[in-house]
Amino acid sequence: MTARDNFLLLHDLRAQIGEFFSRNSRPATVSTFPTASQLDDSQKGEWNMMNATRNTTKATIVLGALLSASILLAQAPGTSQAPDANAPQAAQTQPGNFHRNFDPSQMASHLGKRLGLSSDQVAQITPILAGRQQQMQSLRADSSLAPQDRRTKARAIMQDTNGKIEALLNDTQKQQYEQMLANRRSHRRDRQGEAPQA
């Protein structure tokens, strides 16, 4: 079921609820029930019970519709646990999965453009990034590590990679690279600060 199908179902449900209420509510000028002022004291209690029953019925229908809508939304494909045929493509576009699926030669080329690197520098950086990718994949696959140990080792791999890359750069390129890393860290901190705390 796609999001569009869910939207159409909710739209139809909303239309049916509206139609139900328009059929079951009578205009004030053509009331089949007497008003409270037209009733004596013994009939007012009965009249109030009928109104309460009618209001309860309407509330039950509305709550049932909301519950049905929430069930439909919970079963939407975006939140389902079943793997999707497009899962590899979706994994590449999720923010946390970028470094898991990046192409080292594309990343080296990107650094080359950002830092004004020569083709020799780009060629030397490509295997460094490929090595980092391989080390990070091995680290993720190691289920024996505690999360804190995994983070510590990941930081060490990143620092080692950054040191190797900086060794290939001139002073201006180093400054630009360090500024780029600082901006990335700042952006990551900002993004984590906006995330809801569990």
N, C-alpha and C. Protein backbone atom coordinates (compact mmCIF):
# COMPACT_ATOMS: atom_id res chain seq x y z
N MET A 1 0.83 -1.17 0.00
CA MET A 1 0.00 0.00 0.00
C MET A 1 0.88 1.24 0.00
N THR A 2 0.67 2.12 -0.93
CA THR A 2 1.50 3.31 -1.02
C THR A 2 0.90 4.42 -0.16
N ALA A 3 1.67 5.48 0.00
CA ALA A 3 1.19 6.62 0.77
C ALA A 3 -0.03 7.24 0.08
N ARG A 4 -0.04 7.20 -1.25
CA ARG A 4 -1.20 7.74 -1.99
C ARG A 4 -2.44 6.91 -1.70
N ASP A 5 -2.30 5.56 -1.66
CA ASP A 5 -3.44 4.71 -1.33
C ASP A 5 -3.96 5.01 0.07
N ASN A 6 -3.04 5.20 1.01
CA ASN A 6 -3.45 5.55 2.38
C ASN A 6 -4.20 6.87 2.39
N PHE A 7 -3.69 7.85 1.63
CA PHE A 7 -4.34 9.14 1.58
C PHE A 7 -5.76 9.01 1.01
N LEU A 8 -5.90 8.23 -0.08
CA LEU A 8 -7.22 8.05 -0.68
C LEU A 8 -8.17 7.33 0.27
N LEU A 9 -7.68 6.33 1.00
CA LEU A 9 -8.53 5.64 1.97
C LEU A 9 -8.99 6.60 3.06
N LEU A 10 -8.06 7.41 3.56
CA LEU A 10 -8.42 8.37 4.60
C LEU A 10 -9.41 9.41 4.07
N HIS A 11 -9.21 9.82 2.81
CA HIS A 11 -10.10 10.80 2.20
C HIS A 11 -11.51 10.21 2.08
N ASP A 12 -11.61 8.94 1.61
CA ASP A 12 -12.92 8.28 1.50
C ASP A 12 -13.56 8.12 2.86
N LEU A 13 -12.77 7.74 3.86
CA LEU A 13 -13.29 7.58 5.22
C LEU A 13 -13.84 8.91 5.74
N ARG A 14 -13.10 9.96 5.50
CA ARG A 14 -13.54 11.29 5.94
C ARG A 14 -14.85 11.68 5.24
N ALA A 15 -14.94 11.39 3.95
CA ALA A 15 -16.15 11.71 3.20
C ALA A 15 -17.35 10.91 3.72
N GLN A 16 -17.11 9.64 4.06
CA GLN A 16 -18.19 8.82 4.58
C GLN A 16 -18.65 9.32 5.94
N ILE A 17 -17.73 9.73 6.78
CA ILE A 17 -18.11 10.28 8.09
C ILE A 17 -18.92 11.55 7.91
N GLY A 18 -18.46 12.41 7.01
CA GLY A 18 -19.19 13.65 6.75
C GLY A 18 -20.59 13.38 6.23
N GLU A 19 -20.70 12.39 5.33
CA GLU A 19 -22.01 12.01 4.78
C GLU A 19 -22.91 11.45 5.88
N PHE A 20 -22.34 10.65 6.77
CA PHE A 20 -23.11 10.09 7.87
C PHE A 20 -23.68 11.20 8.75
N PHE A 21 -22.82 12.16 9.10
CA PHE A 21 -23.30 13.23 9.97
C PHE A 21 -24.31 14.13 9.27
N SER A 22 -24.13 14.36 7.98
CA SER A 22 -25.08 15.21 7.27
C SER A 22 -26.43 14.51 7.13
N ARG A 23 -26.44 13.17 6.99
CA ARG A 23 -27.69 12.43 6.92
C ARG A 23 -28.39 12.36 8.27
N ASN A 24 -27.60 12.25 9.34
CA ASN A 24 -28.16 12.02 10.65
C ASN A 24 -28.37 13.28 11.47
N SER A 25 -27.95 14.40 10.98
CA SER A 25 -28.23 15.64 11.72
C SER A 25 -29.34 16.38 10.98
N ARG A 26 -30.26 16.86 11.73
CA ARG A 26 -31.42 17.53 11.13
C ARG A 26 -31.25 19.04 11.26
N PRO A 27 -31.77 19.78 10.29
CA PRO A 27 -31.69 21.23 10.40
C PRO A 27 -32.50 21.70 11.61
N ALA A 28 -32.06 22.80 12.20
CA ALA A 28 -32.71 23.32 13.41
C ALA A 28 -34.15 23.73 13.15
N THR A 29 -34.47 24.13 11.94
CA THR A 29 -35.83 24.60 11.65
C THR A 29 -36.82 23.46 11.48
N VAL A 30 -36.35 22.25 11.17
CA VAL A 30 -37.24 21.13 10.94
C VAL A 30 -36.97 20.07 12.01
N SER A 31 -36.95 20.43 13.23
CA SER A 31 -36.63 19.52 14.31
C SER A 31 -37.81 18.61 14.60
N THR A 32 -37.55 17.31 14.70
CA THR A 32 -38.59 16.35 15.05
C THR A 32 -38.67 16.17 16.55
N PHE A 33 -37.67 16.70 17.27
CA PHE A 33 -37.68 16.61 18.72
C PHE A 33 -38.06 17.97 19.30
N PRO A 34 -38.81 17.96 20.38
CA PRO A 34 -39.15 19.24 21.00
C PRO A 34 -37.92 19.83 21.67
N THR A 35 -37.90 21.13 21.81
CA THR A 35 -36.80 21.79 22.50
C THR A 35 -37.00 21.64 23.99
N ALA A 36 -35.95 21.91 24.75
CA ALA A 36 -36.02 21.76 26.20
C ALA A 36 -37.10 22.66 26.80
N SER A 37 -37.32 23.83 26.21
CA SER A 37 -38.33 24.75 26.76
C SER A 37 -39.75 24.24 26.54
N GLN A 38 -39.95 23.34 25.58
CA GLN A 38 -41.29 22.82 25.30
C GLN A 38 -41.64 21.61 26.17
N LEU A 39 -40.68 21.10 26.93
CA LEU A 39 -40.89 19.91 27.73
C LEU A 39 -41.18 20.28 29.18
N ASP A 40 -41.95 19.40 29.85
CA ASP A 40 -42.13 19.59 31.28
C ASP A 40 -40.97 18.90 32.00
N ASP A 41 -40.92 19.02 33.31
CA ASP A 41 -39.78 18.51 34.07
C ASP A 41 -39.58 17.01 33.92
N SER A 42 -40.65 16.24 33.83
CA SER A 42 -40.51 14.78 33.73
C SER A 42 -39.94 14.36 32.38
N GLN A 43 -40.19 15.15 31.33
CA GLN A 43 -39.71 14.79 30.00
C GLN A 43 -38.28 15.28 29.74
N LYS A 44 -37.82 16.27 30.51
CA LYS A 44 -36.48 16.83 30.29
C LYS A 44 -35.39 15.78 30.51
N GLY A 45 -35.56 14.93 31.52
CA GLY A 45 -34.56 13.90 31.77
C GLY A 45 -34.44 12.94 30.60
N GLU A 46 -35.60 12.54 30.05
CA GLU A 46 -35.62 11.63 28.90
C GLU A 46 -34.99 12.31 27.68
N TRP A 47 -35.32 13.57 27.48
CA TRP A 47 -34.78 14.34 26.36
C TRP A 47 -33.26 14.45 26.47
N ASN A 48 -32.76 14.71 27.68
CA ASN A 48 -31.31 14.80 27.90
C ASN A 48 -30.63 13.46 27.63
N MET A 49 -31.29 12.35 27.99
CA MET A 49 -30.74 11.02 27.73
C MET A 49 -30.62 10.76 26.23
N MET A 50 -31.64 11.17 25.46
CA MET A 50 -31.58 10.97 24.01
C MET A 50 -30.44 11.78 23.40
N ASN A 51 -30.27 13.03 23.84
CA ASN A 51 -29.17 13.85 23.33
C ASN A 51 -27.83 13.25 23.71
N ALA A 52 -27.72 12.76 24.94
CA ALA A 52 -26.46 12.16 25.38
C ALA A 52 -26.15 10.91 24.56
N THR A 53 -27.19 10.09 24.29
CA THR A 53 -26.98 8.89 23.49
C THR A 53 -26.53 9.25 22.08
N ARG A 54 -27.16 10.26 21.49
CA ARG A 54 -26.80 10.69 20.13
C ARG A 54 -25.36 11.21 20.11
N ASN A 55 -24.99 12.00 21.11
CA ASN A 55 -23.63 12.54 21.16
C ASN A 55 -22.61 11.42 21.39
N THR A 56 -22.97 10.45 22.21
CA THR A 56 -22.07 9.32 22.45
C THR A 56 -21.87 8.52 21.17
N THR A 57 -22.93 8.32 20.42
CA THR A 57 -22.83 7.59 19.16
C THR A 57 -21.91 8.32 18.18
N LYS A 58 -22.07 9.63 18.07
CA LYS A 58 -21.22 10.41 17.18
C LYS A 58 -19.76 10.34 17.62
N ALA A 59 -19.53 10.47 18.93
CA ALA A 59 -18.15 10.41 19.44
C ALA A 59 -17.55 9.04 19.16
N THR A 60 -18.33 7.98 19.32
CA THR A 60 -17.83 6.62 19.05
C THR A 60 -17.44 6.46 17.59
N ILE A 61 -18.25 7.00 16.71
CA ILE A 61 -17.95 6.90 15.27
C ILE A 61 -16.67 7.67 14.95
N VAL A 62 -16.53 8.87 15.50
CA VAL A 62 -15.34 9.67 15.23
C VAL A 62 -14.10 8.98 15.78
N LEU A 63 -14.18 8.45 17.00
CA LEU A 63 -13.02 7.76 17.57
C LEU A 63 -12.69 6.49 16.78
N GLY A 64 -13.72 5.77 16.32
CA GLY A 64 -13.47 4.60 15.49
C GLY A 64 -12.77 4.97 14.20
N ALA A 65 -13.19 6.08 13.59
CA ALA A 65 -12.55 6.53 12.35
C ALA A 65 -11.10 6.92 12.61
N LEU A 66 -10.84 7.61 13.71
CA LEU A 66 -9.46 8.00 14.03
C LEU A 66 -8.59 6.77 14.30
N LEU A 67 -9.15 5.80 15.01
CA LEU A 67 -8.41 4.57 15.27
C LEU A 67 -8.10 3.84 13.97
N SER A 68 -9.08 3.76 13.08
CA SER A 68 -8.86 3.11 11.78
C SER A 68 -7.79 3.84 10.98
N ALA A 69 -7.84 5.16 11.02
CA ALA A 69 -6.85 5.94 10.28
C ALA A 69 -5.45 5.72 10.86
N SER A 70 -5.35 5.66 12.18
CA SER A 70 -4.03 5.45 12.78
C SER A 70 -3.49 4.06 12.44
N ILE A 71 -4.37 3.07 12.37
CA ILE A 71 -3.94 1.72 11.98
C ILE A 71 -3.45 1.72 10.54
N LEU A 72 -4.17 2.43 9.67
CA LEU A 72 -3.74 2.50 8.26
C LEU A 72 -2.38 3.17 8.14
N LEU A 73 -2.19 4.25 8.90
CA LEU A 73 -0.91 4.95 8.83
C LEU A 73 0.22 4.12 9.43
N ALA A 74 -0.09 3.33 10.46
CA ALA A 74 0.94 2.49 11.06
C ALA A 74 1.38 1.40 10.09
N GLN A 75 0.50 1.00 9.18
CA GLN A 75 0.85 -0.04 8.22
C GLN A 75 1.42 0.53 6.93
N ALA A 76 1.64 1.83 6.88
CA ALA A 76 2.19 2.47 5.69
C ALA A 76 3.57 1.90 5.40
N PRO A 77 3.95 1.78 4.12
CA PRO A 77 5.22 1.16 3.76
C PRO A 77 6.44 1.88 4.33
N GLY A 78 6.34 3.19 4.58
CA GLY A 78 7.48 3.93 5.11
C GLY A 78 7.86 3.49 6.51
N THR A 79 6.91 2.93 7.25
CA THR A 79 7.19 2.53 8.62
C THR A 79 7.19 1.03 8.79
N SER A 80 6.98 0.27 7.73
CA SER A 80 6.90 -1.18 7.87
C SER A 80 8.29 -1.76 8.10
N GLN A 81 8.32 -2.94 8.70
CA GLN A 81 9.58 -3.61 9.00
C GLN A 81 10.02 -4.52 7.86
N ALA A 82 9.14 -4.78 6.89
CA ALA A 82 9.47 -5.69 5.80
C ALA A 82 10.49 -5.05 4.88
N PRO A 83 11.48 -5.82 4.40
CA PRO A 83 12.46 -5.25 3.48
C PRO A 83 11.80 -4.90 2.16
N ASP A 84 12.28 -3.84 1.58
CA ASP A 84 11.73 -3.32 0.34
C ASP A 84 12.70 -3.65 -0.80
N ALA A 85 12.17 -3.73 -2.00
CA ALA A 85 13.03 -4.00 -3.16
C ALA A 85 14.01 -2.85 -3.38
N ASN A 86 13.64 -1.65 -2.95
CA ASN A 86 14.49 -0.48 -3.12
C ASN A 86 15.36 -0.23 -1.89
N ALA A 87 15.47 -1.19 -1.00
CA ALA A 87 16.20 -0.99 0.25
C ALA A 87 17.66 -0.56 0.04
N PRO A 88 18.41 -1.15 -0.91
CA PRO A 88 19.79 -0.69 -1.07
C PRO A 88 19.87 0.78 -1.47
N GLN A 89 18.96 1.22 -2.34
CA GLN A 89 18.97 2.62 -2.73
C GLN A 89 18.55 3.50 -1.57
N ALA A 90 17.56 3.07 -0.80
CA ALA A 90 17.10 3.86 0.34
C ALA A 90 18.19 3.96 1.39
N ALA A 91 18.94 2.89 1.59
CA ALA A 91 20.00 2.90 2.60
C ALA A 91 21.07 3.92 2.24
N GLN A 92 21.31 4.13 0.95
CA GLN A 92 22.33 5.08 0.54
C GLN A 92 21.89 6.51 0.78
N THR A 93 20.59 6.76 0.77
CA THR A 93 20.14 8.14 0.92
C THR A 93 19.86 8.52 2.36
N GLN A 94 19.85 7.55 3.28
CA GLN A 94 19.63 7.89 4.67
C GLN A 94 20.88 8.54 5.22
N PRO A 95 20.72 9.57 6.09
CA PRO A 95 21.87 10.33 6.56
C PRO A 95 22.95 9.49 7.23
N GLY A 96 22.59 8.53 8.06
CA GLY A 96 23.58 7.77 8.80
C GLY A 96 24.31 6.75 7.97
N ASN A 97 23.86 6.46 6.76
CA ASN A 97 24.45 5.40 5.96
C ASN A 97 25.38 5.92 4.87
N PHE A 98 25.63 7.22 4.81
CA PHE A 98 26.43 7.78 3.73
C PHE A 98 27.82 7.16 3.70
N HIS A 99 28.49 7.14 4.85
CA HIS A 99 29.88 6.65 4.86
C HIS A 99 29.96 5.15 4.68
N ARG A 100 28.88 4.43 4.91
CA ARG A 100 28.91 2.99 4.75
C ARG A 100 28.92 2.61 3.27
N ASN A 101 28.34 3.45 2.42
CA ASN A 101 28.15 3.08 1.02
C ASN A 101 28.89 3.99 0.04
N PHE A 102 29.76 4.87 0.54
CA PHE A 102 30.39 5.80 -0.38
C PHE A 102 31.42 5.11 -1.25
N ASP A 103 31.67 5.70 -2.39
CA ASP A 103 32.68 5.21 -3.32
C ASP A 103 33.96 6.00 -3.05
N PRO A 104 35.06 5.32 -2.66
CA PRO A 104 36.29 6.04 -2.31
C PRO A 104 36.81 6.94 -3.43
N SER A 105 36.68 6.50 -4.68
CA SER A 105 37.18 7.34 -5.77
C SER A 105 36.32 8.60 -5.93
N GLN A 106 35.01 8.47 -5.72
CA GLN A 106 34.14 9.66 -5.79
C GLN A 106 34.44 10.61 -4.64
N MET A 107 34.67 10.05 -3.44
CA MET A 107 34.99 10.90 -2.29
C MET A 107 36.32 11.61 -2.51
N ALA A 108 37.31 10.90 -3.05
CA ALA A 108 38.60 11.52 -3.34
C ALA A 108 38.45 12.62 -4.38
N SER A 109 37.62 12.36 -5.38
CA SER A 109 37.36 13.38 -6.40
C SER A 109 36.69 14.60 -5.79
N HIS A 110 35.74 14.36 -4.88
CA HIS A 110 35.05 15.46 -4.19
C HIS A 110 36.04 16.29 -3.38
N LEU A 111 36.93 15.59 -2.64
CA LEU A 111 37.96 16.31 -1.88
C LEU A 111 38.87 17.10 -2.83
N GLY A 112 39.18 16.49 -3.97
CA GLY A 112 40.02 17.17 -4.95
C GLY A 112 39.42 18.49 -5.40
N LYS A 113 38.11 18.49 -5.63
CA LYS A 113 37.44 19.72 -6.05
C LYS A 113 37.37 20.74 -4.92
N ARG A 114 37.04 20.27 -3.70
CA ARG A 114 36.89 21.17 -2.56
C ARG A 114 38.20 21.80 -2.14
N LEU A 115 39.29 21.03 -2.25
CA LEU A 115 40.58 21.50 -1.74
C LEU A 115 41.55 21.92 -2.84
N GLY A 116 41.15 21.77 -4.09
CA GLY A 116 42.03 22.12 -5.20
C GLY A 116 43.24 21.18 -5.28
N LEU A 117 43.00 19.89 -5.18
CA LEU A 117 44.08 18.90 -5.19
C LEU A 117 44.52 18.58 -6.62
N SER A 118 45.77 18.17 -6.74
CA SER A 118 46.27 17.72 -8.04
C SER A 118 45.75 16.30 -8.28
N SER A 119 45.88 15.85 -9.52
CA SER A 119 45.43 14.49 -9.84
C SER A 119 46.27 13.45 -9.10
N ASP A 120 47.56 13.75 -8.84
CA ASP A 120 48.40 12.83 -8.07
C ASP A 120 47.90 12.72 -6.63
N GLN A 121 47.53 13.84 -6.05
CA GLN A 121 47.02 13.82 -4.67
C GLN A 121 45.72 13.01 -4.59
N VAL A 122 44.84 13.23 -5.56
CA VAL A 122 43.57 12.48 -5.59
C VAL A 122 43.86 10.99 -5.70
N ALA A 123 44.82 10.62 -6.56
CA ALA A 123 45.17 9.21 -6.76
C ALA A 123 45.76 8.61 -5.48
N GLN A 124 46.48 9.40 -4.70
CA GLN A 124 47.06 8.91 -3.45
C GLN A 124 46.01 8.81 -2.33
N ILE A 125 45.01 9.67 -2.36
CA ILE A 125 43.98 9.68 -1.32
C ILE A 125 42.98 8.54 -1.52
N THR A 126 42.73 8.15 -2.76
CA THR A 126 41.73 7.11 -3.05
C THR A 126 42.00 5.82 -2.28
N PRO A 127 43.22 5.24 -2.29
CA PRO A 127 43.43 4.01 -1.51
C PRO A 127 43.33 4.23 0.00
N ILE A 128 43.65 5.41 0.47
CA ILE A 128 43.50 5.70 1.91
C ILE A 128 42.02 5.62 2.30
N LEU A 129 41.16 6.22 1.47
CA LEU A 129 39.72 6.18 1.75
C LEU A 129 39.16 4.77 1.59
N ALA A 130 39.69 4.01 0.62
CA ALA A 130 39.24 2.63 0.45
C ALA A 130 39.63 1.79 1.67
N GLY A 131 40.82 2.02 2.19
CA GLY A 131 41.26 1.31 3.40
C GLY A 131 40.39 1.67 4.60
N ARG A 132 40.04 2.94 4.71
CA ARG A 132 39.16 3.36 5.81
C ARG A 132 37.81 2.67 5.69
N GLN A 133 37.28 2.63 4.49
CA GLN A 133 35.98 2.00 4.28
C GLN A 133 36.02 0.52 4.69
N GLN A 134 37.07 -0.15 4.29
CA GLN A 134 37.21 -1.58 4.63
C GLN A 134 37.33 -1.77 6.14
N GLN A 135 38.11 -0.93 6.81
CA GLN A 135 38.27 -1.03 8.26
C GLN A 135 36.94 -0.77 8.98
N MET A 136 36.19 0.20 8.51
CA MET A 136 34.92 0.53 9.15
C MET A 136 33.90 -0.59 8.94
N GLN A 137 33.91 -1.21 7.76
CA GLN A 137 33.00 -2.33 7.53
C GLN A 137 33.35 -3.51 8.43
N SER A 138 34.63 -3.78 8.60
CA SER A 138 35.05 -4.85 9.50
C SER A 138 34.66 -4.54 10.94
N LEU A 139 34.81 -3.28 11.32
CA LEU A 139 34.44 -2.85 12.68
C LEU A 139 32.94 -3.03 12.92
N ARG A 140 32.12 -2.67 11.94
CA ARG A 140 30.66 -2.82 12.09
C ARG A 140 30.26 -4.29 12.15
N ALA A 141 31.00 -5.13 11.45
CA ALA A 141 30.68 -6.56 11.41
C ALA A 141 31.09 -7.27 12.70
N ASP A 142 31.98 -6.67 13.49
CA ASP A 142 32.46 -7.30 14.73
C ASP A 142 31.42 -7.11 15.83
N SER A 143 30.62 -8.16 16.05
CA SER A 143 29.54 -8.08 17.04
C SER A 143 30.05 -8.28 18.47
N SER A 144 31.32 -8.62 18.64
CA SER A 144 31.85 -8.87 19.99
C SER A 144 32.16 -7.56 20.72
N LEU A 145 32.23 -6.44 20.00
CA LEU A 145 32.59 -5.17 20.62
C LEU A 145 31.39 -4.51 21.28
N ALA A 146 31.65 -3.88 22.41
CA ALA A 146 30.63 -3.06 23.06
C ALA A 146 30.49 -1.76 22.26
N PRO A 147 29.33 -1.12 22.30
CA PRO A 147 29.15 0.12 21.52
C PRO A 147 30.20 1.19 21.80
N GLN A 148 30.59 1.35 23.07
CA GLN A 148 31.60 2.37 23.40
C GLN A 148 32.95 2.02 22.78
N ASP A 149 33.32 0.74 22.80
CA ASP A 149 34.58 0.31 22.19
C ASP A 149 34.54 0.50 20.68
N ARG A 150 33.37 0.22 20.08
CA ARG A 150 33.22 0.39 18.64
C ARG A 150 33.40 1.87 18.27
N ARG A 151 32.79 2.77 19.05
CA ARG A 151 32.94 4.21 18.78
C ARG A 151 34.40 4.65 18.92
N THR A 152 35.07 4.14 19.96
CA THR A 152 36.48 4.50 20.18
C THR A 152 37.34 4.05 19.01
N LYS A 153 37.13 2.83 18.55
CA LYS A 153 37.91 2.33 17.41
C LYS A 153 37.58 3.08 16.13
N ALA A 154 36.31 3.44 15.95
CA ALA A 154 35.92 4.20 14.76
C ALA A 154 36.60 5.56 14.76
N ARG A 155 36.64 6.20 15.92
CA ARG A 155 37.34 7.50 16.01
C ARG A 155 38.82 7.35 15.66
N ALA A 156 39.43 6.27 16.15
CA ALA A 156 40.85 6.04 15.88
C ALA A 156 41.08 5.84 14.37
N ILE A 157 40.19 5.09 13.73
CA ILE A 157 40.31 4.87 12.28
C ILE A 157 40.18 6.20 11.54
N MET A 158 39.21 7.02 11.96
CA MET A 158 38.99 8.32 11.29
C MET A 158 40.21 9.24 11.50
N GLN A 159 40.75 9.26 12.72
CA GLN A 159 41.92 10.11 12.99
C GLN A 159 43.13 9.65 12.18
N ASP A 160 43.32 8.34 12.09
CA ASP A 160 44.43 7.80 11.30
C ASP A 160 44.28 8.19 9.83
N THR A 161 43.04 8.04 9.31
CA THR A 161 42.79 8.39 7.91
C THR A 161 43.03 9.88 7.68
N ASN A 162 42.53 10.72 8.59
CA ASN A 162 42.72 12.17 8.43
C ASN A 162 44.20 12.53 8.48
N GLY A 163 44.96 11.87 9.36
CA GLY A 163 46.39 12.13 9.43
C GLY A 163 47.10 11.77 8.13
N LYS A 164 46.73 10.63 7.54
CA LYS A 164 47.34 10.21 6.27
C LYS A 164 47.00 11.18 5.14
N ILE A 165 45.75 11.65 5.15
CA ILE A 165 45.34 12.60 4.09
C ILE A 165 46.07 13.93 4.27
N GLU A 166 46.13 14.41 5.51
CA GLU A 166 46.79 15.70 5.77
C GLU A 166 48.28 15.64 5.40
N ALA A 167 48.89 14.48 5.52
CA ALA A 167 50.31 14.34 5.17
C ALA A 167 50.54 14.59 3.68
N LEU A 168 49.49 14.42 2.85
CA LEU A 168 49.62 14.62 1.41
C LEU A 168 49.30 16.07 0.98
N LEU A 169 48.82 16.89 1.90
CA LEU A 169 48.34 18.23 1.55
C LEU A 169 49.39 19.29 1.84
N ASN A 170 49.32 20.40 1.09
CA ASN A 170 50.15 21.55 1.42
C ASN A 170 49.47 22.34 2.55
N ASP A 171 50.11 23.39 3.02
CA ASP A 171 49.59 24.12 4.18
C ASP A 171 48.20 24.72 3.95
N THR A 172 47.99 25.30 2.78
CA THR A 172 46.68 25.89 2.47
C THR A 172 45.60 24.82 2.42
N GLN A 173 45.92 23.72 1.76
CA GLN A 173 44.95 22.62 1.65
C GLN A 173 44.66 22.02 3.03
N LYS A 174 45.68 21.94 3.89
CA LYS A 174 45.48 21.42 5.24
C LYS A 174 44.48 22.30 6.00
N GLN A 175 44.68 23.61 5.90
CA GLN A 175 43.77 24.53 6.60
C GLN A 175 42.34 24.35 6.09
N GLN A 176 42.19 24.26 4.78
CA GLN A 176 40.85 24.06 4.20
C GLN A 176 40.25 22.73 4.65
N TYR A 177 41.09 21.68 4.68
CA TYR A 177 40.62 20.36 5.08
C TYR A 177 40.18 20.37 6.56
N GLU A 178 41.00 20.98 7.41
CA GLU A 178 40.66 21.06 8.84
C GLU A 178 39.39 21.88 9.05
N GLN A 179 39.22 22.94 8.28
CA GLN A 179 37.99 23.75 8.37
C GLN A 179 36.79 22.92 7.92
N MET A 180 36.96 22.15 6.86
CA MET A 180 35.88 21.30 6.37
C MET A 180 35.48 20.27 7.44
N LEU A 181 36.47 19.66 8.09
CA LEU A 181 36.18 18.69 9.15
C LEU A 181 35.49 19.36 10.34
N ALA A 182 35.95 20.57 10.69
CA ALA A 182 35.33 21.31 11.81
C ALA A 182 33.88 21.64 11.49
N ASN A 183 33.62 22.05 10.26
CA ASN A 183 32.23 22.35 9.85
C ASN A 183 31.37 21.11 9.93
N ARG A 184 31.94 19.98 9.50
CA ARG A 184 31.20 18.72 9.53
C ARG A 184 30.87 18.32 10.97
N ARG A 185 31.85 18.46 11.88
CA ARG A 185 31.62 18.14 13.29
C ARG A 185 30.55 19.05 13.89
N SER A 186 30.63 20.33 13.55
CA SER A 186 29.65 21.29 14.06
C SER A 186 28.25 20.96 13.56
N HIS A 187 28.16 20.64 12.28
CA HIS A 187 26.87 20.28 11.69
C HIS A 187 26.31 19.02 12.35
N ARG A 188 27.18 18.04 12.61
CA ARG A 188 26.74 16.80 13.26
C ARG A 188 26.25 17.08 14.68
N ARG A 189 26.98 17.95 15.41
CA ARG A 189 26.55 18.30 16.77
C ARG A 189 25.20 19.01 16.75
N ASP A 190 25.02 19.92 15.79
CA ASP A 190 23.74 20.62 15.68
C ASP A 190 22.61 19.65 15.39
N ARG A 191 22.86 18.72 14.49
CA ARG A 191 21.84 17.75 14.11
C ARG A 191 21.49 16.83 15.28
N GLN A 192 22.49 16.42 16.05
CA GLN A 192 22.23 15.57 17.21
C GLN A 192 21.53 16.34 18.31
N GLY A 193 21.79 17.64 18.40
CA GLY A 193 21.11 18.47 19.40
C GLY A 193 19.64 18.61 19.10
N GLU A 194 19.26 18.58 17.82
CA GLU A 194 17.86 18.72 17.42
C GLU A 194 17.13 17.40 17.54
N ALA A 195 17.84 16.26 17.57
CA ALA A 195 17.19 14.96 17.63
C ALA A 195 16.55 14.78 19.00
N PRO A 196 15.38 14.13 19.07
CA PRO A 196 14.72 13.92 20.35
C PRO A 196 15.54 13.00 21.23
N GLN A 197 15.64 13.33 22.50
CA GLN A 197 16.38 12.51 23.45
C GLN A 197 15.52 11.37 23.91
N ALA A 198 16.04 10.15 23.88
CA ALA A 198 15.27 8.97 24.29
C ALA A 198 15.40 8.75 25.78
